[in-house]
Amino acid sequence: QVQLVESGGGLVQPGGSLRLSCAASGSIFSIYAMGWYRQAPGKQRELVATITTGGSTNYADSVKGRFTISRDNAKKTVYLQMNSLKPEDTAVYYCNGWPKLLRNYWGQGTQVTVSS
């Protein structure tokens, strides 16, 4: 399976910013659409943002206007720039393929905590 490693999470105050990274292994990253997902404790995982191979993006209503997804195919990395963070953004964030998953094992993700 494709290896995906998330990083960049941390503790931030409301209104602050974080930039998440997802580094992929393999040589076929550029042919897959990708997504960022998040999951809060006790809740189901939800799709946050997507980006196609052509660079078209889409966002959940809850993050639209605040988050930006991008990709660097040369680095085999997808990013999530998160601005104006709110406490309700607190969750573990994961990357994976979209709409088809690239990995069945979601791993540890990266923790984002928004709190004053």
Protein backbone atom coordinates (compact mmCIF):
# COMPACT_ATOMS: atom_id res chain seq x y z
CA GLN A 1 0.00 0.00 0.00
CA VAL A 2 0.93 3.64 -0.37
CA GLN A 3 2.62 5.15 2.67
CA LEU A 4 1.23 8.49 3.87
CA VAL A 5 2.68 10.48 6.76
CA GLU A 6 0.92 13.53 8.20
CA SER A 7 2.69 16.28 10.12
CA GLY A 8 2.29 19.89 11.21
CA GLY A 9 -0.37 19.63 13.88
CA GLY A 10 -0.15 21.23 17.28
CA LEU A 11 -1.79 23.45 19.86
CA VAL A 12 -2.99 26.83 18.65
CA GLN A 13 -5.22 29.59 20.00
CA PRO A 14 -8.56 30.42 18.38
CA GLY A 15 -7.95 32.58 15.34
CA GLY A 16 -4.51 31.12 14.79
CA SER A 17 -3.09 29.19 11.85
CA LEU A 18 -1.44 25.85 11.12
CA ARG A 19 -0.11 24.24 7.96
CA LEU A 20 -0.44 20.47 7.70
CA SER A 21 1.65 18.32 5.37
CA CYS A 22 1.05 14.84 4.00
CA ALA A 23 4.07 13.13 2.46
CA ALA A 24 3.45 10.15 0.17
CA SER A 25 5.69 7.34 -0.94
CA GLY A 26 5.78 5.80 -4.38
CA SER A 27 5.98 7.22 -7.87
CA ILE A 28 2.29 7.48 -8.78
CA PHE A 29 1.15 10.19 -6.38
CA SER A 30 0.38 12.66 -9.15
CA ILE A 31 -2.36 10.52 -10.71
CA TYR A 32 -4.55 10.42 -7.61
CA ALA A 33 -6.99 12.93 -6.24
CA MET A 34 -6.41 13.49 -2.54
CA GLY A 35 -8.36 14.56 0.48
CA TRP A 36 -7.89 15.71 4.03
CA TYR A 37 -10.10 14.09 6.64
CA ARG A 38 -10.54 14.69 10.35
CA GLN A 39 -11.97 12.86 13.31
CA ALA A 40 -12.80 14.15 16.77
CA PRO A 41 -12.91 11.74 19.73
CA GLY A 42 -16.14 9.76 19.76
CA LYS A 43 -17.20 11.08 16.36
CA GLN A 44 -17.10 9.76 12.83
CA ARG A 45 -14.38 10.73 10.42
CA GLU A 46 -15.40 13.50 8.04
CA LEU A 47 -14.05 14.80 4.76
CA VAL A 48 -12.63 18.31 5.05
CA ALA A 49 -11.11 19.19 1.67
CA THR A 50 -10.28 17.59 -1.67
CA ILE A 51 -7.98 18.32 -4.58
CA THR A 52 -8.05 16.64 -7.98
CA THR A 53 -5.15 15.80 -10.25
CA GLY A 54 -6.00 18.95 -12.18
CA GLY A 55 -5.92 21.14 -9.09
CA SER A 56 -9.65 21.60 -8.61
CA THR A 57 -10.52 21.96 -4.92
CA ASN A 58 -13.57 21.59 -2.75
CA TYR A 59 -14.25 22.12 0.94
CA ALA A 60 -16.69 21.22 3.64
CA ASP A 61 -18.98 24.12 4.45
CA SER A 62 -17.57 24.27 7.96
CA VAL A 63 -14.07 25.18 6.72
CA LYS A 64 -14.80 27.01 3.47
CA GLY A 65 -13.01 30.34 3.33
CA ARG A 66 -10.63 29.38 6.12
CA PHE A 67 -8.78 26.29 4.84
CA THR A 68 -6.82 25.86 1.61
CA ILE A 69 -5.72 22.52 0.19
CA SER A 70 -2.81 22.34 -2.25
CA ARG A 71 -0.37 19.81 -3.64
CA ASP A 72 3.22 19.63 -4.83
CA ASN A 73 3.53 16.61 -7.08
CA ALA A 74 7.32 16.92 -7.33
CA LYS A 75 7.52 16.56 -3.55
CA LYS A 76 4.66 14.03 -3.46
CA THR A 77 3.06 16.13 -0.75
CA VAL A 78 -0.39 17.56 -0.13
CA TYR A 79 -0.90 20.50 2.23
CA LEU A 80 -3.71 21.96 4.26
CA GLN A 81 -3.35 25.60 5.26
CA MET A 82 -5.71 26.29 8.15
CA ASN A 83 -6.47 29.89 9.10
CA SER A 84 -8.90 31.46 11.56
CA LEU A 85 -8.99 28.24 13.52
CA LYS A 86 -11.91 27.54 15.83
CA PRO A 87 -12.23 25.18 18.80
CA GLU A 88 -14.55 23.00 16.72
CA ASP A 89 -11.64 22.34 14.35
CA THR A 90 -9.99 20.28 17.09
CA ALA A 91 -9.49 16.76 15.75
CA VAL A 92 -6.97 14.29 14.41
CA TYR A 93 -6.32 15.11 10.77
CA TYR A 94 -5.56 12.48 8.14
CA CYS A 95 -4.80 12.45 4.44
CA ASN A 96 -5.85 9.77 2.00
CA GLY A 97 -6.99 9.30 -1.54
CA TRP A 98 -10.33 10.67 -2.64
CA PRO A 99 -12.82 9.43 -3.58
CA LYS A 100 -10.95 6.12 -3.66
CA LEU A 101 -8.80 5.47 -0.59
CA LEU A 102 -5.11 4.80 -1.15
CA ARG A 103 -4.70 3.08 2.21
CA ASN A 104 -7.00 1.09 4.44
CA TYR A 105 -4.92 1.79 7.55
CA TRP A 106 -5.38 5.43 8.56
CA GLY A 107 -2.39 5.57 10.90
CA GLN A 108 -1.94 8.12 13.66
CA GLY A 109 -2.68 11.29 11.74
CA THR A 110 -1.66 14.62 13.22
CA GLN A 111 -3.41 16.20 16.20
CA VAL A 112 -4.81 19.71 15.91
CA THR A 113 -5.98 21.33 19.13
CA VAL A 114 -7.54 24.80 19.12
CA SER A 115 -7.86 26.18 22.63
CA SER A 116 -7.16 29.30 24.63
